[in-house]
Every structure is written in structure tokens, then in C-alpha cells.
């Protein structure tokens, strides 16, 4: 009997150890599963975030491309406008009026600030004396059909008063603003300077 009791006593701890070992394995497995699930979840979340960022970057790149195209179009439009505009502030030597096929050399005594051909066929010239560029005045150059002048159908003009004549037209310099209170000294200086017919040529 004593031997049986001793045998049971020696067997019981082995059973307890197996149970503890089995429980530990279950806990470790459960923890590993939780960690694996969390890892998968974080992985999916990371992939989704990465995809969203890629979409955002693609959208921003598309906007940048569109903005660059808009800027290029605006710059091209501005360049075309500068080329086609009849107003010039760059050429300080000659005034070229393409619509009239006329070139006017700028005399040395005046500085032309700008010149603009309006829809009524009137060339407005803004200029100043070279020795006093603070003072400016605007004078006009008008183109009239020569046959109309010869037949008397052009008012207040004669071929003798024209500053320049070509085959079909006569050109006249005019004061634009002659109100009594205005000092026309600069206006007269500009008209006198541009009255030299040798300054004009056809192109």
C-alpha cells in the first residue's frame, strides 16, 4: 500500500505539468493569433493609406500640369498681343503702321512714348521733347483718300497741307486738344518735328 501511495504521489505532478504546458501553448497560440490579426489589420490600413496618398499625389500632379498649361497659354497670348498690337513703346527709331503700310522715322528732337491706330483710322502719337521728357502731348496723324481731297469731298484738307502723299492717300498732322486754356507749345513742337515729309516712307 505504501508503494502504491508513493507511485501516485510521483505521477500526480506529471499530470499537472502537462495541463500547465497545454494551457501555456493555448495562451501563446491565442496571443500569436491576436498579433497576426493586428498585423494584417495594420497592413491593410497601411495599403489603404498608401493608395489614398498615391491618388492625392496624382490629383495634385494633374492640377500642377493644368496650371502650367494655363500659364503657358497666357504667356503665349500676351506675346501674340504684343506682336500684333499697333501700340509700340519698344522701337524708339521708327513708327511702323502695318495697316497703312507706312513707316515714320522719329526725328531726334522728340521722343515718342507710344502710338496707337484706332478703329476710325486715326493715329494718336504721344511724344515729348527729348530735352524735357516730363512734358508730353498727343497729336494725330490722319489718313485721307487722295481722290476725295482732289474732288473737294474731304473737309478742310488740301493736298498742299498734307505732310505726306502716296499713290492713293494723303496724310495730315492734327492737333487733338486745342482748348483755349491749354499750352500748345509741346504739341506744336511735335507737329513741327513730324512735318518733314522725308521722314515718311511706304513699306
N, C-alpha and C. Protein backbone atom coordinates (compact mmCIF):
# COMPACT_ATOMS: atom_id res chain seq x y z
N UNK A 1 0.84 -1.19 0.00
CA UNK A 1 0.00 0.00 0.00
C UNK A 1 0.87 1.22 0.00
N UNK A 2 1.88 1.25 0.75
CA UNK A 2 2.78 2.40 0.82
C UNK A 2 3.43 2.64 -0.53
N UNK A 3 3.75 1.56 -1.20
CA UNK A 3 4.37 1.72 -2.51
C UNK A 3 3.40 2.33 -3.50
N UNK A 4 2.13 1.91 -3.46
CA UNK A 4 1.11 2.49 -4.38
C UNK A 4 0.93 3.96 -4.12
N UNK A 5 0.89 4.33 -2.85
CA UNK A 5 0.72 5.76 -2.50
C UNK A 5 1.90 6.55 -3.00
N UNK A 6 3.07 6.02 -2.86
CA UNK A 6 4.26 6.74 -3.36
C UNK A 6 4.23 6.86 -4.86
N UNK A 7 3.73 5.82 -5.52
CA UNK A 7 3.65 5.86 -7.00
C UNK A 7 2.69 6.92 -7.44
N UNK A 8 1.50 7.01 -6.75
CA UNK A 8 0.52 8.03 -7.13
C UNK A 8 1.10 9.42 -6.92
N UNK A 9 1.81 9.55 -5.81
CA UNK A 9 2.38 10.87 -5.50
C UNK A 9 3.37 11.29 -6.56
N UNK A 10 4.12 10.32 -7.07
CA UNK A 10 5.11 10.67 -8.09
C UNK A 10 4.48 10.91 -9.44
N UNK A 11 3.25 10.37 -9.71
CA UNK A 11 2.58 10.53 -11.01
C UNK A 11 1.84 11.85 -11.07
N UNK A 12 1.23 12.30 -10.01
CA UNK A 12 0.37 13.50 -10.00
C UNK A 12 1.08 14.73 -10.52
N UNK A 13 2.26 15.09 -10.14
CA UNK A 13 2.91 16.29 -10.67
C UNK A 13 3.10 16.24 -12.16
N UNK A 14 3.27 15.07 -12.75
CA UNK A 14 3.45 14.96 -14.19
C UNK A 14 2.20 15.40 -14.90
N UNK A 15 1.03 14.99 -14.38
CA UNK A 15 -0.26 15.38 -14.98
C UNK A 15 -0.42 16.88 -14.90
N UNK A 16 -0.12 17.49 -13.77
CA UNK A 16 -0.22 18.95 -13.59
C UNK A 16 0.69 19.68 -14.58
N UNK A 17 1.87 19.17 -14.77
CA UNK A 17 2.81 19.82 -15.69
C UNK A 17 2.29 19.79 -17.12
N UNK A 18 1.66 18.64 -17.49
CA UNK A 18 1.11 18.53 -18.84
C UNK A 18 -0.03 19.51 -19.04
N UNK A 19 -0.88 19.65 -18.01
CA UNK A 19 -2.00 20.58 -18.11
C UNK A 19 -1.49 22.02 -18.23
N UNK A 20 -0.51 22.36 -17.39
CA UNK A 20 0.07 23.71 -17.45
C UNK A 20 0.71 23.97 -18.79
N UNK A 21 1.41 22.94 -19.30
CA UNK A 21 2.07 23.09 -20.60
C UNK A 21 1.04 23.29 -21.70
N UNK A 22 -0.09 22.54 -21.63
CA UNK A 22 -1.15 22.69 -22.64
C UNK A 22 -1.79 24.06 -22.57
N UNK A 23 -2.04 24.54 -21.36
CA UNK A 23 -2.64 25.88 -21.21
C UNK A 23 -1.70 26.97 -21.74
N UNK A 24 -0.44 26.83 -21.45
CA UNK A 24 0.54 27.82 -21.92
C UNK A 24 0.61 27.88 -23.44
N UNK A 25 0.51 26.69 -24.05
CA UNK A 25 0.54 26.63 -25.51
C UNK A 25 -0.69 27.31 -26.10
N UNK A 26 -1.87 27.08 -25.45
CA UNK A 26 -3.10 27.73 -25.93
C UNK A 26 -3.00 29.25 -25.82
N UNK A 27 -2.48 29.71 -24.69
CA UNK A 27 -2.35 31.16 -24.49
C UNK A 27 -1.40 31.76 -25.50
N UNK A 28 -0.27 31.07 -25.72
CA UNK A 28 0.72 31.56 -26.70
C UNK A 28 0.13 31.60 -28.10
N UNK A 29 -0.66 30.53 -28.40
CA UNK A 29 -1.30 30.49 -29.73
C UNK A 29 -2.30 31.63 -29.88
N UNK A 30 -3.08 31.86 -28.82
CA UNK A 30 -4.07 32.95 -28.86
C UNK A 30 -3.39 34.30 -29.05
N UNK A 31 -2.31 34.51 -28.30
CA UNK A 31 -1.58 35.77 -28.42
C UNK A 31 -1.01 35.93 -29.82
N UNK A 32 -0.47 34.82 -30.35
CA UNK A 32 0.09 34.86 -31.71
C UNK A 32 -0.99 35.19 -32.73
N UNK A 33 -2.20 34.62 -32.54
CA UNK A 33 -3.31 34.90 -33.46
C UNK A 33 -3.71 36.36 -33.40
N UNK A 34 -3.79 36.89 -32.15
CA UNK A 34 -4.15 38.31 -31.99
C UNK A 34 -3.11 39.20 -32.67
N UNK A 35 -1.84 38.87 -32.44
CA UNK A 35 -0.76 39.65 -33.06
C UNK A 35 -0.84 39.58 -34.58
N UNK A 36 -1.13 38.36 -35.08
CA UNK A 36 -1.24 38.18 -36.54
C UNK A 36 -2.39 38.98 -37.11
N UNK A 37 -3.54 38.92 -36.40
CA UNK A 37 -4.71 39.70 -36.87
C UNK A 37 -4.40 41.18 -36.87
N UNK A 38 -3.77 41.64 -35.77
CA UNK A 38 -3.39 43.07 -35.70
C UNK A 38 -2.43 43.42 -36.82
N UNK A 39 -1.48 42.53 -37.09
CA UNK A 39 -0.52 42.79 -38.16
C UNK A 39 -1.19 42.90 -39.51
N UNK A 40 -2.13 41.97 -39.76
CA UNK A 40 -2.87 42.01 -41.02
C UNK A 40 -3.68 43.30 -41.11
N UNK A 41 -4.33 43.66 -39.99
CA UNK A 41 -5.12 44.89 -39.98
C UNK A 41 -4.28 46.12 -40.27
N UNK A 42 -3.13 46.21 -39.59
CA UNK A 42 -2.23 47.34 -39.84
C UNK A 42 -1.73 47.34 -41.28
N UNK A 43 -1.48 46.15 -41.82
CA UNK A 43 -1.02 46.06 -43.20
C UNK A 43 -2.06 46.57 -44.18
N UNK A 44 -3.31 46.13 -43.97
CA UNK A 44 -4.41 46.59 -44.84
C UNK A 44 -4.59 48.09 -44.72
N UNK A 45 -4.55 48.59 -43.48
CA UNK A 45 -4.69 50.04 -43.25
C UNK A 45 -3.57 50.81 -43.95
N UNK A 46 -2.35 50.27 -43.82
CA UNK A 46 -1.22 50.93 -44.49
C UNK A 46 -1.37 50.96 -45.99
N UNK A 47 -1.85 49.84 -46.56
CA UNK A 47 -2.06 49.78 -48.02
C UNK A 47 -3.11 50.80 -48.44
N UNK A 48 -4.20 50.88 -47.66
CA UNK A 48 -5.26 51.84 -47.98
C UNK A 48 -4.75 53.28 -47.91
N UNK A 49 -3.98 53.58 -46.85
CA UNK A 49 -3.41 54.92 -46.72
C UNK A 49 -2.46 55.24 -47.86
N UNK A 50 -1.65 54.27 -48.22
CA UNK A 50 -0.71 54.46 -49.33
C UNK A 50 -1.47 54.71 -50.64
N UNK A 51 -2.55 53.97 -50.84
CA UNK A 51 -3.36 54.15 -52.05
C UNK A 51 -3.98 55.54 -52.09
N UNK A 52 -4.50 56.00 -50.94
CA UNK A 52 -5.09 57.33 -50.87
C UNK A 52 -4.04 58.41 -51.15
N UNK A 53 -2.83 58.23 -50.59
CA UNK A 53 -1.77 59.20 -50.83
C UNK A 53 -1.37 59.23 -52.31
N UNK A 54 -1.31 58.03 -52.91
CA UNK A 54 -0.99 57.96 -54.34
C UNK A 54 -2.03 58.71 -55.17
N UNK A 55 -3.32 58.53 -54.80
CA UNK A 55 -4.39 59.23 -55.52
C UNK A 55 -4.28 60.74 -55.33
N UNK A 56 -3.97 61.16 -54.09
CA UNK A 56 -3.81 62.59 -53.82
C UNK A 56 -2.65 63.18 -54.62
N UNK A 57 -1.54 62.45 -54.64
CA UNK A 57 -0.37 62.92 -55.39
C UNK A 57 -0.69 63.01 -56.87
N UNK A 58 -1.39 62.00 -57.39
CA UNK A 58 -1.77 62.02 -58.81
C UNK A 58 -2.68 63.21 -59.11
N UNK A 59 -3.62 63.48 -58.20
CA UNK A 59 -4.51 64.63 -58.38
C UNK A 59 -3.75 65.95 -58.36
N UNK A 60 -2.81 66.09 -57.42
CA UNK A 60 -2.01 67.32 -57.33
C UNK A 60 -1.13 67.49 -58.57
N UNK A 61 -0.54 66.40 -59.04
CA UNK A 61 0.27 66.47 -60.26
C UNK A 61 -0.56 66.90 -61.45
N UNK A 62 -1.80 66.41 -61.51
CA UNK A 62 -2.69 66.80 -62.61
C UNK A 62 -3.01 68.28 -62.54
N UNK A 63 -3.27 68.79 -61.32
CA UNK A 63 -3.55 70.22 -61.15
C UNK A 63 -2.34 71.07 -61.53
N UNK A 64 -1.16 70.62 -61.14
CA UNK A 64 0.07 71.35 -61.48
C UNK A 64 0.25 71.41 -62.99
N UNK A 65 0.01 70.29 -63.66
CA UNK A 65 0.12 70.25 -65.13
C UNK A 65 -0.86 71.22 -65.78
N UNK A 66 -2.10 71.24 -65.28
CA UNK A 66 -3.10 72.15 -65.83
C UNK A 66 -2.72 73.61 -65.59
N UNK A 67 -2.19 73.90 -64.40
CA UNK A 67 -1.76 75.27 -64.10
C UNK A 67 -0.60 75.69 -65.01
N UNK A 68 0.34 74.79 -65.24
CA UNK A 68 1.46 75.10 -66.14
C UNK A 68 0.96 75.39 -67.55
N UNK A 69 -0.01 74.59 -68.02
CA UNK A 69 -0.58 74.81 -69.35
C UNK A 69 -1.28 76.15 -69.43
N UNK A 70 -2.02 76.50 -68.35
CA UNK A 70 -2.72 77.79 -68.33
C UNK A 70 -1.72 78.94 -68.37
N UNK A 71 -0.63 78.82 -67.62
CA UNK A 71 0.40 79.87 -67.61
C UNK A 71 1.03 80.01 -68.98
N UNK A 72 1.33 78.88 -69.63
CA UNK A 72 1.92 78.93 -70.97
C UNK A 72 0.97 79.57 -71.97
N UNK A 73 -0.33 79.25 -71.86
CA UNK A 73 -1.31 79.84 -72.77
C UNK A 73 -1.41 81.34 -72.56
N UNK A 74 -1.40 81.78 -71.29
CA UNK A 74 -1.46 83.21 -71.01
C UNK A 74 -0.22 83.93 -71.52
N UNK A 75 0.96 83.31 -71.34
CA UNK A 75 2.19 83.92 -71.83
C UNK A 75 2.19 84.02 -73.35
N UNK A 76 1.71 82.96 -74.02
CA UNK A 76 1.64 82.98 -75.49
C UNK A 76 0.66 84.03 -75.97
N UNK A 77 -0.48 84.15 -75.27
CA UNK A 77 -1.48 85.16 -75.63
C UNK A 77 -0.90 86.56 -75.49
N UNK A 78 -0.14 86.78 -74.39
CA UNK A 78 0.47 88.10 -74.17
C UNK A 78 1.50 88.40 -75.25
N UNK A 79 2.32 87.39 -75.61
CA UNK A 79 3.32 87.61 -76.66
C UNK A 79 2.67 87.94 -77.98
N UNK A 80 1.57 87.21 -78.32
CA UNK A 80 0.86 87.49 -79.56
C UNK A 80 0.27 88.88 -79.55
N UNK A 81 -0.27 89.29 -78.39
CA UNK A 81 -0.85 90.63 -78.29
C UNK A 81 0.22 91.69 -78.46
N UNK A 82 1.40 91.46 -77.87
CA UNK A 82 2.49 92.43 -78.00
C UNK A 82 2.95 92.54 -79.45
N UNK A 83 2.95 91.39 -80.17
CA UNK A 83 3.41 91.40 -81.55
C UNK A 83 2.40 92.10 -82.45
N UNK A 84 1.11 91.81 -82.23
CA UNK A 84 0.07 92.30 -83.13
C UNK A 84 -0.45 93.68 -82.76
N UNK A 85 -0.11 94.16 -81.59
CA UNK A 85 -0.63 95.45 -81.14
C UNK A 85 0.00 96.58 -81.95
N UNK A 86 -0.84 97.54 -82.34
CA UNK A 86 -0.34 98.68 -83.10
C UNK A 86 0.31 99.73 -82.21
N UNK A 87 0.25 99.52 -80.89
CA UNK A 87 0.89 100.44 -79.96
C UNK A 87 2.28 99.91 -79.65
N UNK A 88 3.30 100.76 -79.79
CA UNK A 88 4.67 100.30 -79.58
C UNK A 88 5.39 101.26 -78.66
N UNK A 89 6.09 100.69 -77.68
CA UNK A 89 6.94 101.50 -76.82
C UNK A 89 8.39 101.02 -76.90
N UNK A 90 8.66 100.07 -77.77
CA UNK A 90 9.99 99.47 -77.82
C UNK A 90 10.86 100.09 -78.91
N UNK A 91 10.26 100.37 -80.08
CA UNK A 91 11.03 100.89 -81.20
C UNK A 91 11.13 102.41 -81.06
N UNK A 92 12.28 102.90 -80.65
CA UNK A 92 12.48 104.33 -80.44
C UNK A 92 12.98 105.02 -81.70
N UNK A 93 13.13 104.31 -82.79
CA UNK A 93 13.67 104.88 -84.02
C UNK A 93 12.61 105.11 -85.08
N UNK A 94 11.67 104.16 -85.19
CA UNK A 94 10.66 104.24 -86.24
C UNK A 94 9.28 103.90 -85.70
N UNK A 95 8.28 104.52 -86.30
CA UNK A 95 6.90 104.11 -86.08
C UNK A 95 6.46 103.35 -87.32
N UNK A 96 6.03 102.11 -87.14
CA UNK A 96 5.59 101.28 -88.26
C UNK A 96 4.10 101.02 -88.11
N UNK A 97 3.33 101.53 -89.07
CA UNK A 97 1.89 101.36 -89.05
C UNK A 97 1.55 100.34 -90.14
N UNK A 98 1.42 99.09 -89.75
CA UNK A 98 1.23 98.00 -90.71
C UNK A 98 -0.05 98.16 -91.52
N UNK A 99 -1.13 98.57 -90.86
CA UNK A 99 -2.42 98.69 -91.55
C UNK A 99 -2.37 99.73 -92.67
N UNK A 100 -1.51 100.70 -92.53
CA UNK A 100 -1.36 101.73 -93.56
C UNK A 100 -0.21 101.42 -94.51
N UNK A 101 0.62 100.47 -94.16
CA UNK A 101 1.82 100.22 -94.96
C UNK A 101 2.74 101.42 -94.94
N UNK A 102 2.87 102.03 -93.74
CA UNK A 102 3.60 103.28 -93.61
C UNK A 102 4.64 103.17 -92.49
N UNK A 103 5.81 103.75 -92.76
CA UNK A 103 6.86 103.84 -91.75
C UNK A 103 7.25 105.29 -91.57
N UNK A 104 7.33 105.71 -90.30
CA UNK A 104 7.68 107.10 -89.99
C UNK A 104 8.93 107.09 -89.12
N UNK A 105 9.97 107.73 -89.61
CA UNK A 105 11.20 107.84 -88.81
C UNK A 105 11.00 108.90 -87.74
N UNK A 106 11.36 108.57 -86.52
CA UNK A 106 11.19 109.51 -85.41
C UNK A 106 12.34 110.50 -85.40
N UNK A 107 12.04 111.79 -85.50
CA UNK A 107 13.12 112.79 -85.50
C UNK A 107 13.84 112.83 -84.16
N UNK A 108 15.07 113.30 -84.18
CA UNK A 108 15.91 113.28 -82.98
C UNK A 108 15.44 114.28 -81.92
N UNK A 109 14.64 115.26 -82.31
CA UNK A 109 14.23 116.30 -81.36
C UNK A 109 13.10 115.87 -80.44
N UNK A 110 12.43 114.77 -80.77
CA UNK A 110 11.34 114.31 -79.91
C UNK A 110 11.51 112.84 -79.55
N UNK A 111 10.83 112.44 -78.50
CA UNK A 111 10.82 111.04 -78.06
C UNK A 111 9.37 110.56 -78.09
N UNK A 112 9.10 109.57 -78.89
CA UNK A 112 7.74 109.04 -78.99
C UNK A 112 7.52 108.01 -77.88
N UNK A 113 6.53 108.28 -77.03
CA UNK A 113 6.22 107.38 -75.93
C UNK A 113 5.41 106.20 -76.43
N UNK A 114 4.39 106.47 -77.25
CA UNK A 114 3.55 105.41 -77.80
C UNK A 114 2.78 105.94 -79.00
N UNK A 115 2.28 105.03 -79.82
CA UNK A 115 1.41 105.42 -80.93
C UNK A 115 0.37 104.33 -81.14
N UNK A 116 -0.87 104.74 -81.38
CA UNK A 116 -1.97 103.80 -81.46
C UNK A 116 -2.87 104.15 -82.63
N UNK A 117 -3.17 103.17 -83.45
CA UNK A 117 -4.09 103.34 -84.55
C UNK A 117 -5.47 102.87 -84.09
N UNK A 118 -6.44 103.80 -84.05
CA UNK A 118 -7.77 103.41 -83.59
C UNK A 118 -8.62 102.91 -84.75
N UNK A 119 -9.85 102.51 -84.43
CA UNK A 119 -10.73 101.91 -85.43
C UNK A 119 -11.20 102.92 -86.49
N UNK A 120 -11.11 104.21 -86.18
CA UNK A 120 -11.56 105.24 -87.12
C UNK A 120 -10.46 105.67 -88.09
N UNK A 121 -9.33 104.99 -88.05
CA UNK A 121 -8.24 105.34 -88.96
C UNK A 121 -7.48 106.57 -88.53
N UNK A 122 -7.38 106.77 -87.24
CA UNK A 122 -6.68 107.92 -86.67
C UNK A 122 -5.50 107.42 -85.86
N UNK A 123 -4.31 107.91 -86.20
CA UNK A 123 -3.11 107.51 -85.46
C UNK A 123 -2.83 108.54 -84.37
N UNK A 124 -2.94 108.12 -83.12
CA UNK A 124 -2.63 109.01 -81.99
C UNK A 124 -1.17 108.80 -81.59
N UNK A 125 -0.43 109.90 -81.55
CA UNK A 125 1.00 109.84 -81.23
C UNK A 125 1.25 110.60 -79.94
N UNK A 126 1.75 109.90 -78.93
CA UNK A 126 2.12 110.54 -77.65
C UNK A 126 3.63 110.72 -77.65
N UNK A 127 4.08 111.95 -77.52
CA UNK A 127 5.52 112.23 -77.60
C UNK A 127 5.90 113.35 -76.65
N UNK A 128 7.19 113.54 -76.50
CA UNK A 128 7.71 114.60 -75.63
C UNK A 128 9.02 115.12 -76.22
N UNK A 129 9.41 116.33 -75.88
CA UNK A 129 10.73 116.83 -76.31
C UNK A 129 11.84 116.00 -75.66
N UNK A 130 12.91 115.76 -76.37
CA UNK A 130 13.99 114.94 -75.80
C UNK A 130 14.66 115.63 -74.63
N UNK A 131 14.60 116.97 -74.61
CA UNK A 131 15.25 117.71 -73.52
C UNK A 131 14.33 117.96 -72.32
N UNK A 132 13.07 117.51 -72.43
CA UNK A 132 12.14 117.67 -71.31
C UNK A 132 11.08 116.57 -71.40
N UNK A 133 11.45 115.37 -71.01
CA UNK A 133 10.56 114.23 -71.16
C UNK A 133 9.42 114.22 -70.14
N UNK A 134 9.43 115.18 -69.21
CA UNK A 134 8.33 115.28 -68.27
C UNK A 134 7.09 115.85 -68.94
N UNK A 135 7.28 116.57 -70.04
CA UNK A 135 6.15 117.18 -70.75
C UNK A 135 5.81 116.30 -71.96
N UNK A 136 4.55 115.91 -72.04
CA UNK A 136 4.09 115.10 -73.17
C UNK A 136 2.85 115.73 -73.78
N UNK A 137 2.63 115.41 -75.03
CA UNK A 137 1.44 115.86 -75.73
C UNK A 137 1.04 114.80 -76.74
N UNK A 138 -0.23 114.83 -77.11
CA UNK A 138 -0.74 113.87 -78.09
C UNK A 138 -1.18 114.61 -79.35
N UNK A 139 -0.66 114.17 -80.48
CA UNK A 139 -1.08 114.73 -81.77
C UNK A 139 -1.61 113.59 -82.63
N UNK A 140 -2.32 113.96 -83.71
CA UNK A 140 -2.92 112.94 -84.54
C UNK A 140 -2.38 112.96 -85.96
N UNK A 141 -2.30 111.79 -86.55
CA UNK A 141 -1.97 111.66 -87.96
C UNK A 141 -3.18 111.02 -88.64
N UNK A 142 -3.75 111.73 -89.61
CA UNK A 142 -4.98 111.28 -90.26
C UNK A 142 -4.70 110.90 -91.71
N UNK A 143 -5.28 109.79 -92.13
CA UNK A 143 -5.14 109.31 -93.50
C UNK A 143 -6.44 109.59 -94.26
N UNK A 144 -6.32 110.26 -95.43
CA UNK A 144 -7.49 110.64 -96.22
C UNK A 144 -7.28 110.16 -97.65
N UNK A 145 -8.35 109.68 -98.26
CA UNK A 145 -8.27 109.26 -99.66
C UNK A 145 -7.92 110.45 -100.55
N UNK A 146 -6.90 110.29 -101.36
CA UNK A 146 -6.41 111.40 -102.19
C UNK A 146 -7.47 111.87 -103.18
N UNK A 147 -8.24 110.97 -103.76
CA UNK A 147 -9.27 111.36 -104.72
C UNK A 147 -10.35 112.19 -104.06
N UNK A 148 -10.66 111.87 -102.80
CA UNK A 148 -11.65 112.67 -102.08
C UNK A 148 -11.16 114.08 -101.85
N UNK A 149 -9.86 114.23 -101.59
CA UNK A 149 -9.28 115.57 -101.41
C UNK A 149 -9.32 116.33 -102.73
N UNK A 150 -8.93 115.67 -103.80
CA UNK A 150 -8.90 116.33 -105.11
C UNK A 150 -10.29 116.75 -105.58
N UNK A 151 -11.31 115.97 -105.23
CA UNK A 151 -12.67 116.31 -105.66
C UNK A 151 -13.38 117.27 -104.72
N UNK A 152 -12.71 117.60 -103.60
CA UNK A 152 -13.30 118.52 -102.64
C UNK A 152 -14.24 117.87 -101.66
N UNK A 153 -14.30 116.55 -101.62
CA UNK A 153 -15.20 115.84 -100.70
C UNK A 153 -14.59 115.64 -99.31
N UNK A 154 -13.32 115.91 -99.15
CA UNK A 154 -12.67 115.82 -97.84
C UNK A 154 -12.66 117.20 -97.21
N UNK A 155 -13.27 117.34 -96.06
CA UNK A 155 -13.43 118.65 -95.43
C UNK A 155 -12.11 119.19 -94.91
N UNK A 156 -11.92 120.49 -95.14
CA UNK A 156 -10.81 121.25 -94.54
C UNK A 156 -9.44 120.63 -94.81
N UNK A 157 -9.29 120.03 -95.96
CA UNK A 157 -7.98 119.49 -96.32
C UNK A 157 -7.65 119.86 -97.75
N UNK A 158 -6.36 120.01 -97.98
CA UNK A 158 -5.87 120.21 -99.35
C UNK A 158 -4.57 119.44 -99.47
N UNK A 159 -4.22 119.10 -100.68
CA UNK A 159 -3.01 118.30 -100.89
C UNK A 159 -1.77 119.08 -100.46
N UNK A 160 -1.83 120.41 -100.54
CA UNK A 160 -0.68 121.23 -100.14
C UNK A 160 -0.42 121.13 -98.63
N UNK A 161 -1.47 120.86 -97.87
CA UNK A 161 -1.33 120.79 -96.41
C UNK A 161 -0.91 119.40 -95.93
N UNK A 162 -0.94 118.43 -96.82
CA UNK A 162 -0.58 117.07 -96.42
C UNK A 162 0.89 116.98 -96.08
N UNK A 163 1.19 116.24 -95.00
CA UNK A 163 2.58 116.07 -94.60
C UNK A 163 3.26 115.01 -95.47
N UNK A 164 2.43 114.13 -96.06
CA UNK A 164 2.98 113.07 -96.91
C UNK A 164 1.90 112.60 -97.88
N UNK A 165 2.31 112.27 -99.10
CA UNK A 165 1.40 111.75 -100.12
C UNK A 165 1.94 110.44 -100.68
N UNK A 166 1.05 109.46 -100.86
CA UNK A 166 1.44 108.27 -101.61
C UNK A 166 0.49 108.16 -102.80
N UNK A 167 0.47 107.04 -103.46
CA UNK A 167 -0.34 106.91 -104.68
C UNK A 167 -1.83 107.10 -104.42
N UNK A 168 -2.30 106.69 -103.26
CA UNK A 168 -3.74 106.70 -103.01
C UNK A 168 -4.19 107.59 -101.87
N UNK A 169 -3.27 107.97 -101.00
CA UNK A 169 -3.69 108.66 -99.77
C UNK A 169 -2.87 109.91 -99.49
N UNK A 170 -3.49 110.77 -98.68
CA UNK A 170 -2.80 111.96 -98.17
C UNK A 170 -2.84 111.88 -96.63
N UNK A 171 -1.75 112.29 -96.00
CA UNK A 171 -1.62 112.18 -94.55
C UNK A 171 -1.48 113.57 -93.95
N UNK A 172 -2.23 113.82 -92.87
CA UNK A 172 -2.27 115.14 -92.27
C UNK A 172 -2.00 115.04 -90.77
N UNK A 173 -1.16 115.95 -90.27
CA UNK A 173 -0.93 116.07 -88.83
C UNK A 173 -1.96 117.02 -88.25
N UNK A 174 -2.51 116.65 -87.09
CA UNK A 174 -3.59 117.42 -86.49
C UNK A 174 -3.35 117.61 -84.99
N UNK A 175 -3.80 118.77 -84.48
CA UNK A 175 -3.88 118.96 -83.03
C UNK A 175 -5.09 118.19 -82.53
N UNK A 176 -4.95 117.50 -81.41
CA UNK A 176 -6.07 116.75 -80.85
C UNK A 176 -6.83 117.59 -79.83
N UNK A 177 -6.12 118.29 -78.99
CA UNK A 177 -6.77 119.10 -77.95
C UNK A 177 -6.32 120.55 -78.10
N UNK A 178 -7.25 121.41 -78.47
CA UNK A 178 -6.90 122.83 -78.69
C UNK A 178 -7.76 123.75 -77.81
N UNK A 179 -8.13 123.28 -76.63
CA UNK A 179 -8.91 124.13 -75.73
C UNK A 179 -8.10 125.37 -75.38
N UNK A 180 -8.78 126.53 -75.24
CA UNK A 180 -8.07 127.80 -75.07
C UNK A 180 -7.10 127.82 -73.90
N UNK A 181 -7.43 127.14 -72.82
CA UNK A 181 -6.58 127.21 -71.63
C UNK A 181 -5.33 126.33 -71.74
N UNK A 182 -5.25 125.51 -72.78
CA UNK A 182 -4.10 124.62 -72.93
C UNK A 182 -2.91 125.34 -73.54
N UNK A 183 -1.73 125.01 -73.03
CA UNK A 183 -0.49 125.47 -73.62
C UNK A 183 -0.11 124.48 -74.73
N UNK A 184 -0.13 124.94 -75.97
CA UNK A 184 0.12 124.06 -77.11
C UNK A 184 1.58 124.06 -77.56
N UNK A 185 2.46 124.53 -76.69
CA UNK A 185 3.87 124.63 -77.07
C UNK A 185 4.45 123.25 -77.43
N UNK A 186 4.19 122.26 -76.59
CA UNK A 186 4.73 120.93 -76.82
C UNK A 186 4.05 120.30 -78.04
N UNK A 187 2.73 120.51 -78.17
CA UNK A 187 2.00 119.97 -79.32
C UNK A 187 2.60 120.50 -80.63
N UNK A 188 2.85 121.82 -80.64
CA UNK A 188 3.40 122.44 -81.85
C UNK A 188 4.80 121.92 -82.14
N UNK A 189 5.59 121.73 -81.09
CA UNK A 189 6.95 121.21 -81.28
C UNK A 189 6.91 119.82 -81.92
N UNK A 190 5.98 118.98 -81.46
CA UNK A 190 5.88 117.62 -82.00
C UNK A 190 5.42 117.65 -83.46
N UNK A 191 4.41 118.48 -83.75
CA UNK A 191 3.92 118.58 -85.13
C UNK A 191 5.00 119.11 -86.05
N UNK A 192 5.72 120.13 -85.61
CA UNK A 192 6.80 120.68 -86.43
C UNK A 192 7.86 119.61 -86.72
N UNK A 193 8.18 118.82 -85.68
CA UNK A 193 9.21 117.79 -85.85
C UNK A 193 8.76 116.71 -86.83
N UNK A 194 7.46 116.40 -86.84
CA UNK A 194 6.96 115.33 -87.70
C UNK A 194 6.49 115.84 -89.07
N UNK A 195 6.65 117.14 -89.33
CA UNK A 195 6.17 117.70 -90.60
C UNK A 195 7.11 117.50 -91.76
N UNK A 196 8.27 116.95 -91.51
CA UNK A 196 9.25 116.69 -92.56
C UNK A 196 8.81 115.47 -93.38
N UNK A 197 8.46 115.69 -94.63
CA UNK A 197 7.95 114.60 -95.47
C UNK A 197 8.98 113.51 -95.72
N UNK A 198 10.27 113.83 -95.55
CA UNK A 198 11.31 112.81 -95.80
C UNK A 198 11.32 111.74 -94.69
N UNK A 199 10.61 112.00 -93.59
CA UNK A 199 10.53 111.01 -92.52
C UNK A 199 9.61 109.86 -92.88
N UNK A 200 8.76 110.04 -93.88
CA UNK A 200 7.70 109.08 -94.20
C UNK A 200 8.10 108.23 -95.42
N UNK A 201 7.76 106.96 -95.36
CA UNK A 201 8.03 106.07 -96.48
C UNK A 201 7.06 104.91 -96.45
N UNK A 202 6.74 104.37 -97.61
CA UNK A 202 5.86 103.23 -97.71
C UNK A 202 6.64 101.94 -97.45
N UNK A 203 5.95 100.95 -96.89
CA UNK A 203 6.60 99.65 -96.63
C UNK A 203 5.77 98.55 -97.29
